[in-house]
Structure formats: C-alpha cells, structure tokens
Amino acid sequence: MSFSRTLKEKSGAVWEEGYNHPFLHEMGRGTLDKESFRFYLIQDYKYLIEYAKIFAMGAVKAKEEKLMARFTLIQHNILNREMDLHRNYMKEYGIAPDEAATSQPSLWNKAYTSNMMAVAQTGGVAEILAVIFPCAWTYYDYAARLKEQYRGSLENNFYKTWIESYASDEFGKSFEWFYDTLDELCQYKSQEELRAIEDIFRTSVEFEYLFWDMAYKRQMSY
C-alpha cells in the first residue's frame, strides 16, 4: 500500500470516533436537532473561506503548472460549488448572507484553520496536502457509510442532500489525485519527515472530530 493510503489507518482511533459521533448518525436517521445543523452551517461557512486560502497557498508553493492549476481549480470549486450547498441550506434556515458573513468562528474553528495556515506557511506542498485532505477524505468516507447504513430511510430525511452530495462518486473522484501526488512528493523523504507528515494528517483528523462535537453542542468556546 502506498504511503498516502496508509494515512487513514495511521490516524488512529479518532477516524472511527469521528464516524461514530452522534452528530453524523442523527443526520443519518434524520433526527439531528436543526439548531445544531444551523450552527454547523454557519461555522462550516466560516471554515470553508479559510480552507480555500490554504489551496491558494498550495498554488503559490507548487512548482509544476499542472499542480498549480489543480489547487486553483479546487479553490474555485470550494468558493462556488461547495459553498452553494451551504448557501442553499442557509437560505432554508433563514440565515441571511450578512448573518453568515458577520458571525464569529468558534474557538475550535479558529484553532483548526489557524493550524492549517501555520502548516501551509511553514511547510511545503506535501505538508499542505497532508493538512487539508482529512477534510475531504473523512467527509466522503463518512457520507458514503451513512448513505449505506441508512439507505432504507433516506428518502424523507431532511439531510439527504448533504449526505448524497458528499457520498457521490463525483466528490470522491475530486480528490483521487491526492494519493499519487503525495506519494510522489514523499518518495525521497526520510522516515522522520514522513512521521511529521503523518502527524500533520492525524492532527487534522482530530480537528475534524472536534468540529462535529462543537457543532453538536453548539459550543462557541470552552
């Protein structure tokens, strides 16, 4: 198995703890408190703006034109296609654009995005890939599993659109390039450097867990 594909297992128990979080399974059952989802929508909106900036950092640090274009395209898709899903949900909740724009990120949100930016500023492209991809990878994995686990009751589930969007083949294929690209970038790295990349990846998986927990509790701070 390639180095990149081992990162899920090397992230430890927190990957499965993320999937087993009640926020996700209540979404799967359609019973999640809509106020928790409303909180999540606003916080994830704030997160995605910062997340898109990390792809811009990747484009700046990439040496190959093809990789620069990849980072730039994904940034465009985040700011338009993915955020359109959030905007549509926010509209259903009566969340005005001004409310989303002026809302404050939670402590955990700021910690997560600040860590990503710190890694992007101090690391290279491999480190940037390691810090950003737990977001897409966990979303696809979790949504696909929710879709399968709750397939018999999704039809009238309010969260069906969210689950099916992130479980789609299109979304899964959107980040397949990550594996080969990271493997190529890590081909000649030392064991110490590889362990550092594993730690960066695992930390983002841990932040993903904290994000679900924060949203479930609608918790802005400690």
Foldseek 3Di string as FASTA:
>chain_A
DFLVVCLCVLLDPLLVVLLVDPLLVCLLVLNADVQLVLLLLLQVLVLLVLLLVLLVLQLVQDPDPVSNVLSVVVSVCSVPVVVVVSVVVCVVVVNDPVNSVPDDHFPLSCVLSVLLVVQSVPHGNLLNLLQNPVVLVSLQVSLLVSCVVNVPPLPPRPSNVSSCVSPDPVSVVSCPVSRVVSSVVCVPPDPVVSVVSSVSNSVNSNSSSVSSVCSSVVPRYD
